[in-house]
Amino acid sequence: MTGQSKLFYLGKLRSLSELSYNETKHFEVNAKNAIAKSLGKRTISVIEKSK
């Protein structure tokens, strides 16, 4: 592997890892929001039932 292709490969790898990091963060946020929503709904329904 020449120095230039190595750099290109490393650059590609870095952008891939950054992308997956961003996607993971995005996914985590979405998951937390979804969990919070479902928990919120469950809490509300429990409160409604207990009235």
Protein backbone atom coordinates (compact mmCIF):
# COMPACT_ATOMS: atom_id res chain seq x y z
CA MET A 1 0.00 0.00 0.00
CA THR A 2 1.45 3.36 -0.95
CA GLY A 3 1.42 6.24 1.49
CA GLN A 4 -1.30 8.07 -0.43
CA SER A 5 -3.71 5.15 -0.62
CA LYS A 6 -3.09 4.47 3.06
CA LEU A 7 -4.08 8.05 3.90
CA PHE A 8 -7.15 7.76 1.69
CA TYR A 9 -8.10 4.50 3.41
CA LEU A 10 -7.61 6.01 6.87
CA GLY A 11 -9.67 9.04 5.87
CA LYS A 12 -12.45 6.77 4.68
CA LEU A 13 -12.28 4.76 7.90
CA ARG A 14 -12.43 7.92 10.00
CA SER A 15 -15.43 9.30 8.17
CA LEU A 16 -17.12 5.91 8.49
CA SER A 17 -16.51 5.78 12.23
CA GLU A 18 -17.72 9.36 12.64
CA LEU A 19 -20.82 8.52 10.65
CA SER A 20 -21.58 5.43 12.70
CA TYR A 21 -20.93 7.41 15.89
CA ASN A 22 -23.43 10.06 14.80
CA GLU A 23 -25.93 7.41 13.76
CA THR A 24 -25.50 5.65 17.10
CA LYS A 25 -26.04 8.90 19.00
CA HIS A 26 -29.10 9.64 16.87
CA PHE A 27 -30.42 6.14 17.48
CA GLU A 28 -29.83 6.43 21.24
CA VAL A 29 -31.70 9.73 21.36
CA ASN A 30 -34.58 8.24 19.35
CA ALA A 31 -34.69 5.18 21.59
CA LYS A 32 -34.71 7.32 24.74
CA ASN A 33 -37.49 9.48 23.32
CA ALA A 34 -39.52 6.41 22.36
CA ILE A 35 -39.04 4.88 25.82
CA ALA A 36 -39.95 8.16 27.50
CA LYS A 37 -43.07 8.43 25.34
CA SER A 38 -44.23 4.89 26.06
CA LEU A 39 -43.47 5.29 29.77
CA GLY A 40 -45.33 8.59 29.78
CA LYS A 41 -48.36 6.99 28.12
CA ARG A 42 -48.28 4.11 30.57
CA THR A 43 -48.03 6.48 33.52
CA ILE A 44 -50.93 8.54 32.23
CA SER A 45 -53.11 5.45 31.73
CA VAL A 46 -52.27 4.23 35.25
CA ILE A 47 -53.19 7.64 36.67
CA GLU A 48 -56.45 7.63 34.69
CA LYS A 49 -57.33 4.15 35.99
CA SER A 50 -56.57 5.07 39.61
CA LYS A 51 -58.93 8.08 39.53
